[in-house]
Amino acid sequence: MTHGKGKKGGRGAGLRGGRGNAGLHKHKYLHMLKYMPDHFGVHGFKRPQNVIKRNKTINIGELEEKFPGKNSIDLEKEGFDKLLGSGIVNIKLKIKVNSASEKAIEKIKEKGGEIILPESQKEETKEVKQEK
C-alpha cells in the first residue's frame, strides 16, 4: 500500500528533506561542507575596466590602405600603440610609434624605411638581437 514510505513519506519532496538545495544551512549542512565547500559566498575578483589597458595595434599591411599617399605616419597621433608585422609593404615609410614588433621593423627597413621608437623600446630590441 505505501511501498515502504509510511503514511505521508511519498507526498511532495518530504522524504528527501526538500527539493534541490533546500536545507543546506540546516539539516543538509554536513553534506554541503563535504561535497560543495565553495557553494556559498563570493569568489574571485574582477579588475576595474579603467585599470585594464588594451593596446590598439595595426599591421603594416593595413598602413597603405588606411593612410593612402602618406610617406611619414605618426601612429601615436592616429591612436595606435603598436605596429605589428603582418602584411606586405610596397613603399618606403617613415613611422613614429610607441612600440613595434621585430618583424615589422625588419620589413620596414628592407624597403628603406625608418621606424622611430621611444628610447626604452630601442634598448629592448637591441637586447633581443644580441641574445639571438
N, C-alpha and C. Protein backbone atom coordinates (compact mmCIF):
# COMPACT_ATOMS: atom_id res chain seq x y z
N MET A 1 0.81 -1.20 0.00
CA MET A 1 0.00 0.00 0.00
C MET A 1 0.86 1.28 0.00
N THR A 2 1.86 1.37 0.87
CA THR A 2 2.67 2.58 0.94
C THR A 2 4.06 2.38 0.36
N HIS A 3 4.39 1.15 -0.03
CA HIS A 3 5.68 0.83 -0.63
C HIS A 3 6.86 1.24 0.24
N GLY A 4 6.74 1.08 1.54
CA GLY A 4 7.84 1.34 2.47
C GLY A 4 8.09 2.79 2.78
N LYS A 5 7.14 3.66 2.43
CA LYS A 5 7.37 5.08 2.67
C LYS A 5 6.56 5.60 3.85
N GLY A 6 5.81 4.78 4.51
CA GLY A 6 4.99 5.26 5.62
C GLY A 6 3.72 5.90 5.10
N LYS A 7 3.06 6.63 5.99
CA LYS A 7 1.76 7.20 5.64
C LYS A 7 1.87 8.43 4.72
N LYS A 8 2.86 9.31 5.00
CA LYS A 8 2.93 10.54 4.20
C LYS A 8 4.31 10.78 3.58
N GLY A 9 5.16 9.78 3.53
CA GLY A 9 6.52 9.96 3.02
C GLY A 9 6.61 10.20 1.53
N GLY A 10 5.62 9.80 0.77
CA GLY A 10 5.69 9.95 -0.67
C GLY A 10 5.08 11.24 -1.18
N ARG A 11 4.61 12.09 -0.29
CA ARG A 11 3.98 13.34 -0.73
C ARG A 11 5.03 14.41 -0.97
N GLY A 12 4.98 15.07 -2.07
CA GLY A 12 5.89 16.18 -2.35
C GLY A 12 7.33 15.69 -2.36
N ALA A 13 8.23 16.45 -1.73
CA ALA A 13 9.63 16.06 -1.65
C ALA A 13 10.00 15.82 -0.21
N GLY A 14 9.04 15.39 0.59
CA GLY A 14 9.22 15.29 2.03
C GLY A 14 10.28 14.31 2.48
N LEU A 15 10.36 13.15 1.86
CA LEU A 15 11.29 12.13 2.32
C LEU A 15 12.74 12.50 2.04
N ARG A 16 12.95 13.32 1.04
CA ARG A 16 14.31 13.74 0.67
C ARG A 16 14.81 14.89 1.51
N GLY A 17 13.96 15.50 2.30
CA GLY A 17 14.38 16.67 3.08
C GLY A 17 14.26 17.95 2.29
N GLY A 18 13.42 17.97 1.28
CA GLY A 18 13.23 19.18 0.47
C GLY A 18 13.74 18.98 -0.93
N ARG A 19 13.37 19.89 -1.81
CA ARG A 19 13.80 19.81 -3.20
C ARG A 19 15.10 20.59 -3.40
N GLY A 20 15.96 20.08 -4.26
CA GLY A 20 17.16 20.81 -4.67
C GLY A 20 18.09 21.11 -3.52
N ASN A 21 18.43 22.37 -3.36
CA ASN A 21 19.39 22.79 -2.35
C ASN A 21 18.73 23.23 -1.05
N ALA A 22 17.48 22.86 -0.85
CA ALA A 22 16.80 23.22 0.38
C ALA A 22 17.49 22.57 1.57
N GLY A 23 17.70 23.33 2.62
CA GLY A 23 18.27 22.79 3.85
C GLY A 23 19.78 22.76 3.90
N LEU A 24 20.46 23.43 2.99
CA LEU A 24 21.93 23.40 3.02
C LEU A 24 22.49 24.12 4.24
N HIS A 25 21.74 25.06 4.81
CA HIS A 25 22.20 25.71 6.04
C HIS A 25 21.56 25.08 7.27
N LYS A 26 20.80 24.02 7.08
CA LYS A 26 20.11 23.40 8.21
C LYS A 26 20.45 21.92 8.27
N HIS A 27 19.54 21.06 7.82
CA HIS A 27 19.73 19.63 8.01
C HIS A 27 20.67 18.99 6.99
N LYS A 28 21.01 19.67 5.87
CA LYS A 28 21.96 19.13 4.89
C LYS A 28 23.32 19.84 4.99
N TYR A 29 23.61 20.41 6.16
CA TYR A 29 24.80 21.25 6.31
C TYR A 29 26.09 20.44 6.11
N LEU A 30 26.18 19.26 6.70
CA LEU A 30 27.40 18.46 6.57
C LEU A 30 27.61 18.00 5.13
N HIS A 31 26.52 17.68 4.44
CA HIS A 31 26.62 17.32 3.03
C HIS A 31 27.19 18.48 2.23
N MET A 32 26.74 19.68 2.54
CA MET A 32 27.23 20.87 1.84
C MET A 32 28.72 21.08 2.13
N LEU A 33 29.15 20.93 3.37
CA LEU A 33 30.56 21.12 3.70
C LEU A 33 31.44 20.11 2.99
N LYS A 34 30.98 18.87 2.89
CA LYS A 34 31.78 17.81 2.32
C LYS A 34 31.81 17.85 0.79
N TYR A 35 30.66 18.00 0.16
CA TYR A 35 30.57 17.86 -1.28
C TYR A 35 30.48 19.18 -2.05
N MET A 36 30.11 20.28 -1.39
CA MET A 36 30.02 21.57 -2.07
C MET A 36 30.65 22.66 -1.20
N PRO A 37 31.93 22.58 -0.89
CA PRO A 37 32.52 23.54 0.05
C PRO A 37 32.52 24.99 -0.45
N ASP A 38 32.52 25.20 -1.76
CA ASP A 38 32.55 26.57 -2.29
C ASP A 38 31.19 27.04 -2.79
N HIS A 39 30.12 26.42 -2.32
CA HIS A 39 28.79 26.74 -2.83
C HIS A 39 28.34 28.15 -2.45
N PHE A 40 28.58 28.56 -1.23
CA PHE A 40 28.15 29.88 -0.77
C PHE A 40 29.30 30.86 -0.77
N GLY A 41 28.98 32.13 -0.90
CA GLY A 41 29.99 33.18 -0.81
C GLY A 41 30.37 33.73 -2.17
N VAL A 42 31.21 34.74 -2.14
CA VAL A 42 31.67 35.40 -3.35
C VAL A 42 33.08 34.92 -3.62
N HIS A 43 33.36 34.57 -4.86
CA HIS A 43 34.66 34.04 -5.22
C HIS A 43 35.25 34.83 -6.37
N GLY A 44 36.54 35.04 -6.33
CA GLY A 44 37.23 35.70 -7.44
C GLY A 44 37.23 37.20 -7.31
N PHE A 45 37.80 37.83 -8.33
CA PHE A 45 37.97 39.27 -8.32
C PHE A 45 37.90 39.76 -9.75
N LYS A 46 37.13 40.78 -10.01
CA LYS A 46 37.03 41.36 -11.34
C LYS A 46 37.74 42.70 -11.32
N ARG A 47 38.74 42.81 -12.16
CA ARG A 47 39.52 44.05 -12.21
C ARG A 47 38.68 45.18 -12.79
N PRO A 48 38.83 46.39 -12.25
CA PRO A 48 38.09 47.53 -12.81
C PRO A 48 38.53 47.79 -14.25
N GLN A 49 37.58 48.15 -15.10
CA GLN A 49 37.86 48.33 -16.52
C GLN A 49 38.79 49.50 -16.79
N ASN A 50 38.79 50.51 -15.89
CA ASN A 50 39.68 51.65 -16.13
C ASN A 50 41.13 51.31 -15.80
N VAL A 51 41.39 50.19 -15.15
CA VAL A 51 42.75 49.75 -14.84
C VAL A 51 43.33 48.94 -15.99
N ILE A 52 42.47 48.23 -16.71
CA ILE A 52 42.92 47.35 -17.78
C ILE A 52 43.29 48.17 -19.01
N LYS A 53 44.53 48.00 -19.50
CA LYS A 53 44.99 48.73 -20.68
C LYS A 53 45.07 47.76 -21.85
N ARG A 54 44.38 48.08 -22.91
CA ARG A 54 44.44 47.27 -24.12
C ARG A 54 45.17 48.08 -25.19
N ASN A 55 46.21 47.48 -25.75
CA ASN A 55 46.95 48.15 -26.81
C ASN A 55 46.16 48.10 -28.11
N LYS A 56 46.08 49.23 -28.79
CA LYS A 56 45.45 49.25 -30.10
C LYS A 56 46.56 49.04 -31.12
N THR A 57 46.44 47.97 -31.90
CA THR A 57 47.50 47.58 -32.82
C THR A 57 47.07 47.76 -34.26
N ILE A 58 48.08 47.82 -35.13
CA ILE A 58 47.84 47.89 -36.57
C ILE A 58 48.95 47.09 -37.26
N ASN A 59 48.60 46.38 -38.32
CA ASN A 59 49.59 45.63 -39.10
C ASN A 59 50.14 46.51 -40.21
N ILE A 60 51.38 46.19 -40.64
CA ILE A 60 51.99 47.02 -41.68
C ILE A 60 51.25 46.88 -43.01
N GLY A 61 50.55 45.79 -43.20
CA GLY A 61 49.76 45.60 -44.42
C GLY A 61 48.59 46.56 -44.51
N GLU A 62 48.13 47.08 -43.38
CA GLU A 62 46.98 47.99 -43.36
C GLU A 62 47.38 49.46 -43.50
N LEU A 63 48.68 49.77 -43.43
CA LEU A 63 49.12 51.16 -43.43
C LEU A 63 48.78 51.90 -44.72
N GLU A 64 49.07 51.28 -45.87
CA GLU A 64 48.80 51.93 -47.15
C GLU A 64 47.30 52.11 -47.37
N GLU A 65 46.53 51.17 -46.87
CA GLU A 65 45.07 51.21 -47.01
C GLU A 65 44.47 52.34 -46.17
N LYS A 66 44.94 52.49 -44.92
CA LYS A 66 44.38 53.50 -44.01
C LYS A 66 44.94 54.89 -44.25
N PHE A 67 46.20 54.96 -44.68
CA PHE A 67 46.85 56.26 -44.89
C PHE A 67 47.39 56.33 -46.33
N PRO A 68 46.51 56.43 -47.32
CA PRO A 68 46.98 56.43 -48.72
C PRO A 68 47.75 57.71 -49.05
N GLY A 69 48.85 57.53 -49.76
CA GLY A 69 49.62 58.68 -50.23
C GLY A 69 50.55 59.28 -49.19
N LYS A 70 50.59 58.77 -47.97
CA LYS A 70 51.47 59.31 -46.94
C LYS A 70 52.76 58.51 -46.88
N ASN A 71 53.88 59.22 -46.79
CA ASN A 71 55.17 58.55 -46.63
C ASN A 71 55.65 58.57 -45.18
N SER A 72 55.18 59.54 -44.41
CA SER A 72 55.52 59.59 -42.98
C SER A 72 54.22 59.58 -42.18
N ILE A 73 54.17 58.66 -41.22
CA ILE A 73 52.94 58.45 -40.44
C ILE A 73 53.28 58.50 -38.97
N ASP A 74 52.54 59.30 -38.21
CA ASP A 74 52.68 59.33 -36.75
C ASP A 74 51.54 58.51 -36.16
N LEU A 75 51.83 57.26 -35.85
CA LEU A 75 50.78 56.36 -35.34
C LEU A 75 50.34 56.73 -33.94
N GLU A 76 51.19 57.43 -33.19
CA GLU A 76 50.79 57.90 -31.85
C GLU A 76 49.62 58.87 -31.96
N LYS A 77 49.72 59.81 -32.90
CA LYS A 77 48.64 60.79 -33.09
C LYS A 77 47.38 60.15 -33.66
N GLU A 78 47.56 59.09 -34.45
CA GLU A 78 46.41 58.40 -35.06
C GLU A 78 45.70 57.47 -34.08
N GLY A 79 46.31 57.26 -32.88
CA GLY A 79 45.65 56.47 -31.84
C GLY A 79 46.08 55.02 -31.77
N PHE A 80 47.19 54.67 -32.42
CA PHE A 80 47.68 53.29 -32.37
C PHE A 80 48.86 53.20 -31.42
N ASP A 81 48.95 52.08 -30.70
CA ASP A 81 50.00 51.89 -29.71
C ASP A 81 51.14 51.01 -30.22
N LYS A 82 50.82 50.05 -31.09
CA LYS A 82 51.84 49.09 -31.51
C LYS A 82 51.69 48.76 -32.99
N LEU A 83 52.84 48.59 -33.65
CA LEU A 83 52.89 48.21 -35.06
C LEU A 83 53.30 46.74 -35.15
N LEU A 84 52.48 45.95 -35.83
CA LEU A 84 52.74 44.52 -35.99
C LEU A 84 53.18 44.21 -37.42
N GLY A 85 53.82 43.06 -37.62
CA GLY A 85 54.49 42.78 -38.88
C GLY A 85 53.74 41.98 -39.91
N SER A 86 52.44 41.82 -39.80
CA SER A 86 51.70 41.02 -40.78
C SER A 86 51.37 41.87 -42.00
N GLY A 87 51.57 41.30 -43.18
CA GLY A 87 51.24 42.02 -44.40
C GLY A 87 52.48 42.38 -45.20
N ILE A 88 52.27 43.12 -46.29
CA ILE A 88 53.34 43.47 -47.22
C ILE A 88 53.45 44.99 -47.31
N VAL A 89 54.70 45.47 -47.34
CA VAL A 89 54.97 46.90 -47.51
C VAL A 89 55.48 47.11 -48.93
N ASN A 90 54.88 48.05 -49.65
CA ASN A 90 55.28 48.30 -51.04
C ASN A 90 56.05 49.61 -51.20
N ILE A 91 55.94 50.50 -50.24
CA ILE A 91 56.60 51.80 -50.37
C ILE A 91 57.50 52.07 -49.17
N LYS A 92 58.37 53.07 -49.33
CA LYS A 92 59.28 53.48 -48.26
C LYS A 92 58.49 54.34 -47.28
N LEU A 93 58.48 53.95 -46.00
CA LEU A 93 57.70 54.66 -44.99
C LEU A 93 58.57 55.12 -43.83
N LYS A 94 58.19 56.26 -43.27
CA LYS A 94 58.80 56.75 -42.03
C LYS A 94 57.68 56.76 -41.00
N ILE A 95 57.83 55.93 -39.95
CA ILE A 95 56.73 55.73 -38.99
C ILE A 95 57.21 56.05 -37.59
N LYS A 96 56.40 56.81 -36.85
CA LYS A 96 56.65 57.08 -35.44
C LYS A 96 55.59 56.35 -34.63
N VAL A 97 56.04 55.49 -33.70
CA VAL A 97 55.11 54.65 -32.94
C VAL A 97 55.72 54.33 -31.57
N ASN A 98 54.87 54.00 -30.59
CA ASN A 98 55.36 53.69 -29.24
C ASN A 98 56.11 52.36 -29.18
N SER A 99 55.60 51.33 -29.87
CA SER A 99 56.30 50.05 -29.89
C SER A 99 56.00 49.33 -31.19
N ALA A 100 56.92 48.44 -31.57
CA ALA A 100 56.77 47.70 -32.82
C ALA A 100 57.39 46.32 -32.65
N SER A 101 56.85 45.35 -33.36
CA SER A 101 57.41 44.00 -33.31
C SER A 101 58.68 43.95 -34.16
N GLU A 102 59.52 42.94 -33.90
CA GLU A 102 60.77 42.81 -34.65
C GLU A 102 60.51 42.61 -36.14
N LYS A 103 59.49 41.81 -36.44
CA LYS A 103 59.14 41.52 -37.83
C LYS A 103 58.75 42.80 -38.57
N ALA A 104 58.00 43.66 -37.90
CA ALA A 104 57.58 44.92 -38.52
C ALA A 104 58.79 45.82 -38.79
N ILE A 105 59.71 45.87 -37.83
CA ILE A 105 60.91 46.70 -38.00
C ILE A 105 61.74 46.19 -39.18
N GLU A 106 61.90 44.87 -39.28
CA GLU A 106 62.68 44.28 -40.38
C GLU A 106 62.05 44.61 -41.73
N LYS A 107 60.74 44.44 -41.85
CA LYS A 107 60.07 44.67 -43.13
C LYS A 107 60.15 46.13 -43.57
N ILE A 108 60.02 47.05 -42.63
CA ILE A 108 60.10 48.48 -42.98
C ILE A 108 61.52 48.83 -43.41
N LYS A 109 62.53 48.30 -42.71
CA LYS A 109 63.93 48.61 -43.05
C LYS A 109 64.34 47.96 -44.38
N GLU A 110 63.76 46.81 -44.73
CA GLU A 110 64.06 46.18 -46.02
C GLU A 110 63.69 47.08 -47.18
N LYS A 111 62.58 47.82 -47.05
CA LYS A 111 62.13 48.73 -48.10
C LYS A 111 62.81 50.10 -48.03
N GLY A 112 63.76 50.26 -47.10
CA GLY A 112 64.47 51.53 -46.97
C GLY A 112 63.76 52.52 -46.08
N GLY A 113 62.77 52.08 -45.34
CA GLY A 113 62.02 52.97 -44.46
C GLY A 113 62.67 53.10 -43.09
N GLU A 114 61.97 53.78 -42.20
CA GLU A 114 62.51 54.06 -40.86
C GLU A 114 61.38 54.00 -39.85
N ILE A 115 61.69 53.44 -38.67
CA ILE A 115 60.73 53.43 -37.56
C ILE A 115 61.35 54.20 -36.41
N ILE A 116 60.62 55.19 -35.92
CA ILE A 116 61.08 56.00 -34.78
C ILE A 116 60.37 55.49 -33.54
N LEU A 117 61.17 54.97 -32.59
CA LEU A 117 60.64 54.40 -31.35
C LEU A 117 61.13 55.20 -30.16
N PRO A 118 60.43 55.11 -29.01
CA PRO A 118 60.98 55.70 -27.78
C PRO A 118 62.26 54.95 -27.38
N GLU A 119 63.08 55.57 -26.56
CA GLU A 119 64.38 55.00 -26.19
C GLU A 119 64.25 53.63 -25.53
N SER A 120 63.25 53.43 -24.68
CA SER A 120 63.10 52.16 -23.97
C SER A 120 62.86 51.00 -24.94
N GLN A 121 62.08 51.21 -26.00
CA GLN A 121 61.80 50.17 -26.98
C GLN A 121 63.05 49.84 -27.79
N LYS A 122 63.86 50.84 -28.11
CA LYS A 122 65.08 50.62 -28.88
C LYS A 122 66.04 49.72 -28.11
N GLU A 123 66.17 49.97 -26.81
CA GLU A 123 67.07 49.17 -25.99
C GLU A 123 66.60 47.72 -25.91
N GLU A 124 65.28 47.50 -25.81
CA GLU A 124 64.74 46.14 -25.74
C GLU A 124 65.02 45.37 -27.02
N THR A 125 64.87 46.00 -28.17
CA THR A 125 65.10 45.30 -29.44
C THR A 125 66.58 44.98 -29.61
N LYS A 126 67.47 45.86 -29.14
CA LYS A 126 68.90 45.57 -29.22
C LYS A 126 69.26 44.37 -28.36
N GLU A 127 68.68 44.29 -27.15
CA GLU A 127 68.96 43.17 -26.25
C GLU A 127 68.48 41.86 -26.85
N VAL A 128 67.33 41.85 -27.48
CA VAL A 128 66.78 40.65 -28.09
C VAL A 128 67.68 40.18 -29.23
N LYS A 129 68.16 41.11 -30.06
CA LYS A 129 69.02 40.75 -31.19
C LYS A 129 70.35 40.20 -30.70
N GLN A 130 70.90 40.74 -29.61
CA GLN A 130 72.16 40.26 -29.07
C GLN A 130 72.03 38.84 -28.52
N GLU A 131 70.87 38.51 -27.94
CA GLU A 131 70.65 37.18 -27.40
C GLU A 131 70.62 36.14 -28.51
N LYS A 132 70.04 36.50 -29.67
CA LYS A 132 69.95 35.56 -30.80
C LYS A 132 71.32 35.37 -31.37
